Structures are given as C-alpha cells and as structure tokens.
C-alpha cells in the first residue's frame, strides 16, 4: 500500500463560515499533515500524530510553510472558449456571434479538440482547480476529447455536448433528434467511466427550439443520474430575446420550468436579473445559481445579488466562466466576487471565499462525500498555496498577522504562481506540467518557415 504524507499548514472546511470569526466552520493545523493512501485521504491532523500513524515507510513531502487545502472546484466554464479569452469590446450576444461561435466551429476537428482539451486541463491544474463543470461544443468529438484528457489526468470532471438547433451558425447546429441521440451515446460512453460525470447541456433557451427542449426533458427523465447545465438571465438583451421566443412563459426561469429542467442537479449560469418569484422557484427545486463575477464584469452583464438569493433560500456556487471570464484562477475569481459584492454593500470574508471554492462548490454538486474537503475517505485532490509567490505578495505578507489576512492576500493578489503544487487522487500534477517539454503554440498556427 503506497503512503504519501504531505506536511504543511493544513486548512479544510466542515461548514459554511457565518463570519470572519467563525472558527467552528473550519479545521486548521499550523504544523499539519495529510496522509494519502491509494488516491484517498486516510488521515488529517497534527504532523507528529499523523507521522506516527503513517509509519517509517511513508514518503514525506514537506510543503512548509505553505498552505495545504482541498483542490478548487469550478462549476461553470466553456472548454472550447479557451483560446477566446480576452476578446475585446462586446456584450453577450454580440460577443457570442463575433468571437465564440467562430471559435467553436474549430472543434469539428478531432486534432484541434484533443489539443485544446489537454491545454485546458493543464491550465485548470496550474491554477489549483482539480474538478470543474464545463460545456463542450456541439460536436461529439469535443466531448470525447474533454473526457479523454480528464481521464488521462484522473480528474473528476463534469461536462457535456451543447445542444443548439437555432440562432447559431449552420456549422454549430444540431437537430432535436441528433442532439438527443448524440447525448444518449455520450452518456453511455462516459458517465461513470473513471471519474467522469455527464451534464445534459441545452446551451440556453435562445439556441434551442421547443422541440429540442422537449428532447432535453426526455434526457433528464431518462438519466436522472446526470447533471443539467444551461444559462439564465445573464444579460438584459438575452432575457428579452429568450422570453420573446417563449411568449407563454411567465419569465425566463419559467421557460426551463416548463420543460422540467429545474432540479437539485441543475446548474444555471449567471442568474443576475432574476425576480423574487424566479429565485423562489430555484429555491423550491434546489436548483443552483452559479455566480460568475469575472465574466459578468468583463462582458458588462451586471452584478450578482448574493444576499437576495440567500434570503430567499436559494443555493449558489461560484465559477470562472472561461472564456467570458478572463482567468482560470479561482483565486482571481473570488477577488472579483469580493468586489462585486462589496460595491453592493455585501461582505465576503476570506474564509467564506475558500469555503465556496472548495466544500461549498462540492455541496452544490452533491459531491461533498468525494471532493471539496480533506476529510478522511475523500479523494486526495489537493492544492498547495504559496502566499509569498510574488515579490509584492512577499512584501505584503511581512505585515500579515492572521490566517484571515493571509487568505485574503492570496485571494486578492494571487494567481497561478501562488499554486505551488496540485495533487489529483494523490499524484503530484503541477510540477509534472511545469517540467514537461514546451507544447507547440497551436495546431492552427503554422510554424514560421
């Protein structure tokens, strides 16, 4: 039995912090250790005690004085948009038509899909993200590439082929029947294989006809084990367009409700402009509203009102939304979340931020028994953070006196350089990526003569 003992300052959450002083919500060991056996966490605690349990044959990796936390979880992003990050000057619908739909057409090529899938997974890992929920393109090849790349790295990933049969270029449209058939085949191929989980993915109401929404309903009924992901109320023009296409619906949320797509395994990206009635509908069905602060700011969409969702009992998660979001880093995402909430008079404590990135997002996915914490028996997906990774951070850290301060410095100033190492099912990954032979710039860009 292989044993790996990680030594460092260990932080993991047991519940959502109610304030910056809520020490009951987390467990922290100043000189701590995480014992890993066969890809699972076996023990967590003070180093001296865990080292005794591990015995003399355990391999020890000393990460002191760095922080050891659960790997980050991202609940909404787009793998085919990896090369479309930082596309200038457009709000949602124009941005989709000008940049994104052009980019996604490239994924009919298996070679391109394979190349981007590998880079996408490595970029997640560089940033400390060990699990994510992502949209693939309309092409089944993109789904195969996505899950194959995740399987190669043994990552727990959720994803699915987007279904869209209107208001998109011809090259990106399926049909209600082909979208259904492709999704059925991909669920059979990938769901439950290795660590893969499938998400039925009607892109959003604008790009799916009523006939395709009916097919989505059929898929959800036939595969309750799968997730559902789509978009909701990201942009005012989007809302007007969507509701014009479904005039009998009470509002945007009611479009999805009319096809039985709300539920505890459904993730609705954005949810910026929902009425109280819509939020209550999400709460009653245990659907998840996904807060995407970086994307919402970059595309000029609006500000997510977290406190209103809380007051009405709705579940929320947090995500990067790459490529509307401009960074794969959950640290940078939570920096923007802090600002989005702060400008609305809402507080986001450092402990609440790290809870959301780890156990909070795991709970939103119903996967807290597998990921999101360092509890014994869970998968050994781990991020090691260095709060002195950049000179400016090192200088700032000289004045930090509390764990809360350190976490906030990491959140506010950190990026991929602050992630010292990442473990997936107990295997070190970031050092392998960083030490790998440099990859070609792109399959689509020829080398100079």
Protein backbone atom coordinates (compact mmCIF):
# COMPACT_ATOMS: atom_id res chain seq x y z
CA UNK A 1 0.00 0.00 0.00
CA UNK A 2 1.53 3.31 -1.13
CA UNK A 3 1.55 6.02 1.52
CA UNK A 4 2.25 9.70 0.89
CA UNK A 5 2.47 12.17 3.76
CA UNK A 6 2.11 15.87 2.96
CA UNK A 7 3.38 18.21 5.65
CA UNK A 8 2.39 21.86 5.88
CA UNK A 9 -0.21 24.22 7.28
CA UNK A 10 -3.48 22.38 6.68
CA UNK A 11 -6.86 24.08 6.21
CA UNK A 12 -10.18 22.39 5.42
CA UNK A 13 -13.81 23.36 5.93
CA UNK A 14 -16.58 21.47 7.68
CA UNK A 15 -19.34 24.04 7.14
CA UNK A 16 -20.05 27.48 5.69
CA UNK A 17 -18.48 30.26 7.80
CA UNK A 18 -21.05 32.68 9.16
CA UNK A 19 -18.47 35.41 9.86
CA UNK A 20 -14.76 36.07 9.66
CA UNK A 21 -14.53 34.90 13.29
CA UNK A 22 -16.43 31.62 12.82
CA UNK A 23 -13.71 29.13 13.73
CA UNK A 24 -16.22 26.28 14.03
CA UNK A 25 -16.57 26.20 10.24
CA UNK A 26 -13.05 25.02 9.53
CA UNK A 27 -10.19 22.91 10.85
CA UNK A 28 -6.66 24.31 10.80
CA UNK A 29 -3.35 22.71 11.78
CA UNK A 30 -0.32 25.00 11.97
CA UNK A 31 2.05 22.04 11.64
CA UNK A 32 -0.29 19.62 9.98
CA UNK A 33 -0.23 16.61 7.73
CA UNK A 34 -2.39 14.83 5.20
CA UNK A 35 -1.84 11.10 4.81
CA UNK A 36 -2.76 9.71 1.40
CA UNK A 37 -3.20 6.04 0.62
CA UNK A 38 -4.12 4.76 -2.85
CA UNK A 39 -5.50 8.09 -4.01
CA UNK A 40 -7.66 8.68 -0.93
CA UNK A 41 -7.17 10.78 2.16
CA UNK A 42 -6.56 8.42 5.06
CA UNK A 43 -5.84 10.78 7.95
CA UNK A 44 -5.56 14.51 8.63
CA UNK A 45 -4.21 16.17 11.75
CA UNK A 46 -1.11 17.37 13.56
CA UNK A 47 2.07 16.24 11.87
CA UNK A 48 3.53 14.41 14.86
CA UNK A 49 0.42 12.29 15.32
CA UNK A 50 -0.13 11.56 11.61
CA UNK A 51 3.55 10.75 11.03
CA UNK A 52 3.28 8.07 13.72
CA UNK A 53 0.22 6.60 12.01
CA UNK A 54 1.94 6.73 8.61
CA UNK A 55 4.96 4.77 9.79
CA UNK A 56 8.56 4.87 8.61
CA UNK A 57 7.91 3.71 5.04
CA UNK A 58 5.66 6.60 4.04
CA UNK A 59 7.03 9.07 1.51
CA UNK A 60 7.09 12.54 3.09
CA UNK A 61 6.75 15.77 1.07
CA UNK A 62 7.40 18.85 3.19
CA UNK A 63 5.44 21.85 1.90
CA UNK A 64 6.07 24.09 4.91
CA UNK A 65 5.34 26.99 5.32
CA UNK A 66 2.78 26.73 2.53
CA UNK A 67 -0.94 26.09 2.97
CA UNK A 68 -2.47 22.71 2.09
CA UNK A 69 -6.15 22.90 1.10
CA UNK A 70 -8.65 20.86 -0.91
CA UNK A 71 -8.35 21.33 -4.66
CA UNK A 72 -10.53 24.10 -6.05
CA UNK A 73 -13.79 23.34 -7.87
CA UNK A 74 -15.12 25.42 -10.80
CA UNK A 75 -18.83 24.98 -11.53
CA UNK A 76 -19.22 26.73 -14.90
CA UNK A 77 -16.83 27.26 -17.80
CA UNK A 78 -16.51 26.58 -21.53
CA UNK A 79 -13.69 24.37 -22.73
CA UNK A 80 -14.00 25.41 -26.44
CA UNK A 81 -13.52 29.07 -25.44
CA UNK A 82 -10.01 28.50 -24.13
CA UNK A 83 -8.43 30.48 -26.99
CA UNK A 84 -11.16 33.13 -26.99
CA UNK A 85 -10.30 34.64 -23.61
CA UNK A 86 -9.76 38.41 -23.76
CA UNK A 87 -11.89 39.07 -26.85
CA UNK A 88 -12.45 42.81 -26.97
CA UNK A 89 -15.39 45.10 -26.82
CA UNK A 90 -18.69 43.20 -26.91
CA UNK A 91 -21.53 42.28 -24.60
CA UNK A 92 -23.00 38.80 -24.51
CA UNK A 93 -24.95 38.30 -27.76
CA UNK A 94 -22.52 40.25 -29.95
CA UNK A 95 -19.60 38.50 -28.24
CA UNK A 96 -21.11 35.09 -28.99
CA UNK A 97 -21.66 35.87 -32.65
CA UNK A 98 -18.40 37.74 -33.24
CA UNK A 99 -15.95 35.53 -31.39
CA UNK A 100 -17.34 32.45 -29.71
CA UNK A 101 -19.36 30.80 -32.44
CA UNK A 102 -16.40 31.30 -34.79
CA UNK A 103 -14.05 29.66 -32.29
CA UNK A 104 -16.33 26.74 -31.54
CA UNK A 105 -16.54 25.70 -35.19
CA UNK A 106 -12.91 24.57 -34.95
CA UNK A 107 -13.97 21.70 -32.69
CA UNK A 108 -15.26 19.60 -35.56
CA UNK A 109 -11.56 18.73 -35.87
CA UNK A 110 -10.60 15.90 -33.53
CA UNK A 111 -6.96 17.03 -33.57
CA UNK A 112 -7.88 20.55 -32.51
CA UNK A 113 -10.29 19.33 -29.84
CA UNK A 114 -7.65 16.98 -28.43
CA UNK A 115 -5.01 19.72 -28.35
CA UNK A 116 -7.21 22.29 -26.61
CA UNK A 117 -8.60 19.72 -24.17
CA UNK A 118 -5.10 18.91 -22.98
CA UNK A 119 -4.17 22.55 -22.58
CA UNK A 120 -7.49 23.27 -20.86
CA UNK A 121 -6.99 20.56 -18.23
CA UNK A 122 -3.39 21.64 -17.61
CA UNK A 123 -4.46 25.26 -17.19
CA UNK A 124 -7.02 24.23 -14.60
CA UNK A 125 -4.38 22.29 -12.71
CA UNK A 126 -1.86 25.14 -12.88
CA UNK A 127 -4.43 27.25 -11.09
CA UNK A 128 -5.22 24.69 -8.40
CA UNK A 129 -8.55 23.54 -9.87
CA UNK A 130 -8.91 19.79 -9.68
CA UNK A 131 -12.60 19.44 -10.68
CA UNK A 132 -14.85 21.51 -12.93
CA UNK A 133 -18.15 21.60 -14.80
CA UNK A 134 -17.71 22.61 -18.44
CA UNK A 135 -19.58 22.96 -21.69
CA UNK A 136 -18.11 21.27 -24.74
CA UNK A 137 -19.05 22.30 -28.28
CA UNK A 138 -21.92 20.88 -30.32
CA UNK A 139 -19.53 18.28 -31.75
CA UNK A 140 -19.38 14.86 -30.06
CA UNK A 141 -15.65 14.87 -30.85
CA UNK A 142 -15.21 17.71 -28.38
CA UNK A 143 -16.82 15.68 -25.60
CA UNK A 144 -14.58 12.72 -26.33
CA UNK A 145 -11.53 14.98 -26.24
CA UNK A 146 -12.65 16.61 -22.99
CA UNK A 147 -13.27 13.42 -21.04
CA UNK A 148 -10.24 11.63 -22.52
CA UNK A 149 -7.97 14.47 -21.36
CA UNK A 150 -9.57 14.38 -17.91
CA UNK A 151 -9.23 10.59 -17.74
CA UNK A 152 -5.54 10.80 -18.65
CA UNK A 153 -5.04 13.07 -15.62
CA UNK A 154 -7.54 11.15 -13.45
CA UNK A 155 -9.53 14.34 -12.81
CA UNK A 156 -13.14 14.33 -11.65
CA UNK A 157 -14.76 16.39 -14.39
CA UNK A 158 -18.36 17.08 -15.36
CA UNK A 159 -19.30 18.13 -18.88
CA UNK A 160 -21.41 17.62 -21.95
CA UNK A 161 -22.11 18.46 -25.56
CA UNK A 162 -24.09 21.68 -26.03
CA UNK A 163 -27.41 21.19 -27.75
CA UNK A 164 -28.48 24.06 -30.02
CA UNK A 165 -30.63 23.92 -33.10
CA UNK A 166 -31.31 27.60 -33.89
CA UNK A 167 -29.83 31.11 -33.69
CA UNK A 168 -26.32 29.83 -34.34
CA UNK A 169 -24.21 29.25 -37.48
CA UNK A 170 -25.23 26.22 -39.53
CA UNK A 171 -21.94 24.52 -38.64
CA UNK A 172 -22.86 24.67 -34.95
CA UNK A 173 -26.45 23.47 -35.14
CA UNK A 174 -27.69 20.03 -34.35
CA UNK A 175 -31.34 18.95 -34.54
CA UNK A 176 -33.67 17.92 -31.72
CA UNK A 177 -33.19 14.27 -32.69
CA UNK A 178 -29.43 14.37 -33.32
CA UNK A 179 -28.87 16.34 -30.11
CA UNK A 180 -30.80 13.66 -28.23
CA UNK A 181 -29.07 10.78 -29.98
CA UNK A 182 -25.57 12.23 -29.55
CA UNK A 183 -26.19 12.96 -25.88
CA UNK A 184 -27.54 9.45 -25.22
CA UNK A 185 -24.48 7.91 -26.85
CA UNK A 186 -22.07 10.16 -24.93
CA UNK A 187 -23.77 9.42 -21.61
CA UNK A 188 -23.43 5.70 -22.31
CA UNK A 189 -19.78 6.14 -23.24
CA UNK A 190 -18.59 8.48 -20.50
CA UNK A 191 -20.88 8.87 -17.49
CA UNK A 192 -19.38 6.97 -14.57
CA UNK A 193 -16.28 5.95 -16.53
CA UNK A 194 -13.19 6.65 -14.46
CA UNK A 195 -14.19 9.86 -12.62
CA UNK A 196 -16.35 11.34 -15.42
CA UNK A 197 -19.84 12.74 -14.83
CA UNK A 198 -22.12 13.85 -17.68
CA UNK A 199 -24.09 17.11 -17.88
CA UNK A 200 -27.06 17.36 -20.25
CA UNK A 201 -26.43 20.76 -21.82
CA UNK A 202 -29.08 22.70 -23.76
CA UNK A 203 -26.95 25.83 -24.19
CA UNK A 204 -29.74 28.29 -23.44
CA UNK A 205 -33.31 28.94 -24.47
CA UNK A 206 -32.26 31.23 -27.34
CA UNK A 207 -30.42 28.44 -29.14
CA UNK A 208 -32.91 25.63 -28.53
CA UNK A 209 -36.32 25.26 -30.13
CA UNK A 210 -39.27 23.96 -28.12
CA UNK A 211 -38.72 20.62 -29.84
CA UNK A 212 -35.15 20.47 -28.56
CA UNK A 213 -36.24 21.50 -25.09
CA UNK A 214 -38.67 18.58 -25.16
CA UNK A 215 -35.77 16.31 -26.03
CA UNK A 216 -33.82 17.79 -23.13
CA UNK A 217 -36.72 16.95 -20.83
CA UNK A 218 -36.72 13.39 -22.13
CA UNK A 219 -32.99 13.06 -21.49
CA UNK A 220 -33.32 14.34 -17.93
CA UNK A 221 -36.16 11.89 -17.23
CA UNK A 222 -34.20 9.00 -18.70
CA UNK A 223 -30.93 9.94 -16.97
CA UNK A 224 -31.64 11.41 -13.52
CA UNK A 225 -28.08 10.45 -12.56
CA UNK A 226 -26.72 13.17 -14.87
CA UNK A 227 -26.35 16.87 -14.25
CA UNK A 228 -28.07 19.61 -16.27
CA UNK A 229 -26.33 22.86 -17.18
CA UNK A 230 -27.59 25.92 -19.02
CA UNK A 231 -27.64 29.72 -18.86
CA UNK A 232 -30.17 32.04 -17.26
CA UNK A 233 -30.58 35.82 -17.11
CA UNK A 234 -27.03 36.87 -17.87
CA UNK A 235 -27.81 39.92 -20.00
CA UNK A 236 -30.89 42.12 -20.45
CA UNK A 237 -30.94 41.73 -24.24
CA UNK A 238 -30.65 37.95 -23.78
CA UNK A 239 -33.65 37.96 -21.43
CA UNK A 240 -35.76 39.95 -23.89
CA UNK A 241 -34.81 37.66 -26.77
CA UNK A 242 -35.37 34.44 -24.83
CA UNK A 243 -38.77 35.43 -23.47
CA UNK A 244 -39.86 36.60 -26.94
CA UNK A 245 -39.18 33.09 -28.23
CA UNK A 246 -41.31 31.53 -25.47
CA UNK A 247 -44.18 34.02 -25.07
CA UNK A 248 -46.32 31.72 -22.93
CA UNK A 249 -43.67 31.55 -20.19
CA UNK A 250 -44.09 33.79 -17.13
CA UNK A 251 -40.41 34.76 -17.29
CA UNK A 252 -37.03 33.34 -18.32
CA UNK A 253 -36.88 30.80 -15.48
CA UNK A 254 -40.35 29.58 -16.36
CA UNK A 255 -39.09 28.57 -19.81
CA UNK A 256 -36.90 25.93 -18.22
CA UNK A 257 -39.51 25.05 -15.60
CA UNK A 258 -41.97 24.37 -18.41
CA UNK A 259 -39.68 21.57 -19.60
CA UNK A 260 -38.98 20.16 -16.11
CA UNK A 261 -35.35 21.24 -16.23
CA UNK A 262 -35.18 22.68 -12.70
CA UNK A 263 -33.80 20.39 -10.01
CA UNK A 264 -31.06 19.77 -7.48
CA UNK A 265 -28.63 18.63 -10.20
CA UNK A 266 -29.30 21.66 -12.43
CA UNK A 267 -26.73 24.46 -12.67
CA UNK A 268 -27.94 27.81 -14.01
CA UNK A 269 -25.10 30.08 -15.06
CA UNK A 270 -25.29 33.77 -14.04
CA UNK A 271 -28.84 34.47 -12.74
CA UNK A 272 -28.18 38.21 -12.48
CA UNK A 273 -31.61 39.69 -13.19
CA UNK A 274 -34.00 37.20 -11.62
CA UNK A 275 -37.19 38.32 -9.93
CA UNK A 276 -38.03 37.13 -6.43
CA UNK A 277 -40.51 34.71 -7.99
CA UNK A 278 -37.75 33.16 -10.08
CA UNK A 279 -35.34 32.86 -7.16
CA UNK A 280 -38.04 31.17 -5.10
CA UNK A 281 -38.59 28.73 -7.98
CA UNK A 282 -34.90 27.86 -7.89
CA UNK A 283 -35.00 27.50 -4.12
CA UNK A 284 -38.05 25.24 -4.14
CA UNK A 285 -36.48 22.92 -6.72
CA UNK A 286 -32.99 23.09 -5.11
CA UNK A 287 -31.53 24.32 -8.39
CA UNK A 288 -28.14 26.04 -8.24
CA UNK A 289 -27.49 29.63 -9.33
CA UNK A 290 -23.88 29.96 -10.48
CA UNK A 291 -22.14 33.25 -9.64
CA UNK A 292 -19.59 34.15 -12.37
CA UNK A 293 -18.15 37.50 -11.23
CA UNK A 294 -15.21 37.85 -13.63
CA UNK A 295 -17.32 37.12 -16.69
CA UNK A 296 -20.18 39.33 -15.52
CA UNK A 297 -17.82 42.28 -15.20
CA UNK A 298 -15.87 41.62 -18.40
CA UNK A 299 -18.99 41.34 -20.58
CA UNK A 300 -20.69 44.23 -18.79
CA UNK A 301 -23.58 41.99 -17.81
CA UNK A 302 -24.37 43.09 -14.26
CA UNK A 303 -23.89 42.34 -10.56
CA UNK A 304 -24.99 39.14 -8.84
CA UNK A 305 -27.01 39.84 -5.67
CA UNK A 306 -25.84 37.03 -3.37
CA UNK A 307 -27.70 38.24 -0.29
CA UNK A 308 -31.06 38.20 -2.07
CA UNK A 309 -30.52 34.57 -3.09
CA UNK A 310 -29.61 33.72 0.49
CA UNK A 311 -32.62 35.49 1.95
CA UNK A 312 -34.92 33.53 -0.37
CA UNK A 313 -33.24 30.20 0.37
CA UNK A 314 -31.62 29.53 -2.99
CA UNK A 315 -28.44 27.53 -3.48
CA UNK A 316 -25.43 29.16 -5.12
CA UNK A 317 -21.99 28.22 -6.39
CA UNK A 318 -19.12 30.19 -7.90
CA UNK A 319 -17.25 29.82 -11.21
CA UNK A 320 -14.77 31.38 -13.62
CA UNK A 321 -16.92 31.13 -16.78
CA UNK A 322 -13.89 30.97 -19.05
CA UNK A 323 -13.82 32.40 -21.78
CA UNK A 324 -16.22 35.22 -20.81
CA UNK A 325 -14.27 35.01 -17.60
CA UNK A 326 -10.72 36.18 -18.15
CA UNK A 327 -8.82 33.80 -15.86
CA UNK A 328 -8.76 30.12 -14.96
CA UNK A 329 -7.83 31.13 -11.42
CA UNK A 330 -10.44 30.63 -8.73
CA UNK A 331 -8.34 32.97 -6.56
CA UNK A 332 -8.76 35.77 -9.10
CA UNK A 333 -12.43 34.85 -9.47
CA UNK A 334 -13.01 35.29 -5.73
CA UNK A 335 -11.12 38.59 -5.83
CA UNK A 336 -13.70 39.80 -8.35
CA UNK A 337 -16.52 38.26 -6.31
CA UNK A 338 -15.39 40.29 -3.31
CA UNK A 339 -15.56 43.48 -5.40
CA UNK A 340 -18.93 42.66 -6.97
CA UNK A 341 -20.44 42.11 -3.53
CA UNK A 342 -18.55 44.96 -1.85
CA UNK A 343 -19.94 47.55 -4.27
CA UNK A 344 -23.44 46.34 -3.30
CA UNK A 345 -22.73 46.66 0.42
CA UNK A 346 -22.32 42.89 0.90
CA UNK A 347 -19.39 41.30 2.71
CA UNK A 348 -17.38 38.28 1.56
CA UNK A 349 -14.95 37.12 4.23
CA UNK A 350 -11.75 35.31 3.23
CA UNK A 351 -12.98 32.15 4.94
CA UNK A 352 -16.27 32.31 3.03
CA UNK A 353 -14.33 32.62 -0.23
CA UNK A 354 -12.28 29.49 0.36
CA UNK A 355 -15.34 27.60 1.56
CA UNK A 356 -17.11 28.48 -1.70
CA UNK A 357 -14.16 27.35 -3.83
CA UNK A 358 -13.95 24.01 -2.04
CA UNK A 359 -16.66 22.46 0.14
CA UNK A 360 -19.33 24.96 -0.93
CA UNK A 361 -18.99 24.09 -4.61
CA UNK A 362 -18.75 20.39 -3.76
CA UNK A 363 -22.05 20.65 -1.88
CA UNK A 364 -23.62 22.49 -4.81
CA UNK A 365 -22.70 19.47 -6.95
CA UNK A 366 -23.76 16.93 -4.35
CA UNK A 367 -20.19 15.61 -4.30
CA UNK A 368 -19.09 16.57 -0.79
CA UNK A 369 -18.52 12.90 0.03
CA UNK A 370 -15.84 12.77 -2.68
CA UNK A 371 -14.25 16.19 -3.16
CA UNK A 372 -14.07 19.65 -1.59
CA UNK A 373 -12.56 18.78 1.80
CA UNK A 374 -9.65 16.94 3.37
CA UNK A 375 -11.89 14.60 5.32
CA UNK A 376 -10.71 11.01 5.63
CA UNK A 377 -12.18 8.85 2.88
CA UNK A 378 -12.44 11.59 0.25
CA UNK A 379 -10.44 11.71 -2.96
CA UNK A 380 -6.96 13.18 -2.46
CA UNK A 381 -7.44 16.24 -4.70
CA UNK A 382 -5.31 18.92 -3.06
CA UNK A 383 -3.89 22.40 -3.73
CA UNK A 384 -0.77 23.76 -2.04
CA UNK A 385 -0.71 27.57 -1.89
CA UNK A 386 2.24 29.92 -1.52
CA UNK A 387 1.26 33.31 -0.13
CA UNK A 388 4.74 34.69 -0.92
CA UNK A 389 4.86 33.61 -4.55
CA UNK A 390 5.29 37.12 -5.96
CA UNK A 391 7.59 39.84 -4.63
CA UNK A 392 4.67 42.16 -3.90
CA UNK A 393 2.91 39.37 -2.02
CA UNK A 394 6.03 38.56 -0.02
CA UNK A 395 6.35 42.21 0.97
CA UNK A 396 2.67 42.42 1.96
CA UNK A 397 2.91 39.18 3.93
CA UNK A 398 5.53 40.75 6.22
CA UNK A 399 2.71 42.71 7.83
CA UNK A 400 0.12 39.90 7.92
CA UNK A 401 -0.56 38.56 11.39
CA UNK A 402 -3.59 36.26 10.97
CA UNK A 403 -4.71 33.38 8.76
CA UNK A 404 -7.61 35.50 7.52
CA UNK A 405 -5.20 38.18 6.33
CA UNK A 406 -3.07 35.63 4.54
CA UNK A 407 -6.06 34.09 2.80
CA UNK A 408 -7.26 37.49 1.67
CA UNK A 409 -3.81 38.39 0.31
CA UNK A 410 -3.77 35.13 -1.66
CA UNK A 411 -7.28 35.80 -2.95
CA UNK A 412 -6.61 39.42 -3.87
CA UNK A 413 -3.06 39.23 -5.20
CA UNK A 414 -2.70 35.56 -6.12
CA UNK A 415 -2.84 33.71 -9.43
CA UNK A 416 -1.37 30.52 -10.86
CA UNK A 417 2.04 31.46 -9.46
CA UNK A 418 0.56 31.15 -5.97
CA UNK A 419 -0.23 27.47 -6.56
CA UNK A 420 2.93 25.63 -5.57
CA UNK A 421 1.65 22.11 -6.22
CA UNK A 422 -1.55 20.26 -7.07
CA UNK A 423 -2.39 16.65 -6.32
CA UNK A 424 -5.04 14.68 -8.20
CA UNK A 425 -6.02 11.45 -6.48
CA UNK A 426 -2.75 11.70 -4.59
CA UNK A 427 -0.45 12.28 -7.57
CA UNK A 428 1.55 15.49 -7.94
CA UNK A 429 0.46 17.20 -11.17
CA UNK A 430 1.59 20.82 -11.41
CA UNK A 431 5.29 20.02 -11.14
CA UNK A 432 4.87 17.47 -13.94
CA UNK A 433 3.12 20.02 -16.15
CA UNK A 434 5.69 22.74 -15.48
CA UNK A 435 8.58 20.37 -16.16
CA UNK A 436 7.09 18.97 -19.37
CA UNK A 437 8.55 19.71 -22.79
CA UNK A 438 7.01 23.00 -24.06
CA UNK A 439 3.98 22.39 -26.24
CA UNK A 440 3.53 23.73 -29.76
CA UNK A 441 1.87 27.13 -29.80
CA UNK A 442 -1.23 25.86 -31.60
CA UNK A 443 -2.22 23.28 -34.14
CA UNK A 444 -3.97 26.05 -36.04
CA UNK A 445 -0.88 28.28 -36.31
CA UNK A 446 1.86 27.01 -38.64
CA UNK A 447 5.47 27.27 -37.55
CA UNK A 448 7.40 30.01 -39.36
CA UNK A 449 9.38 28.90 -42.39
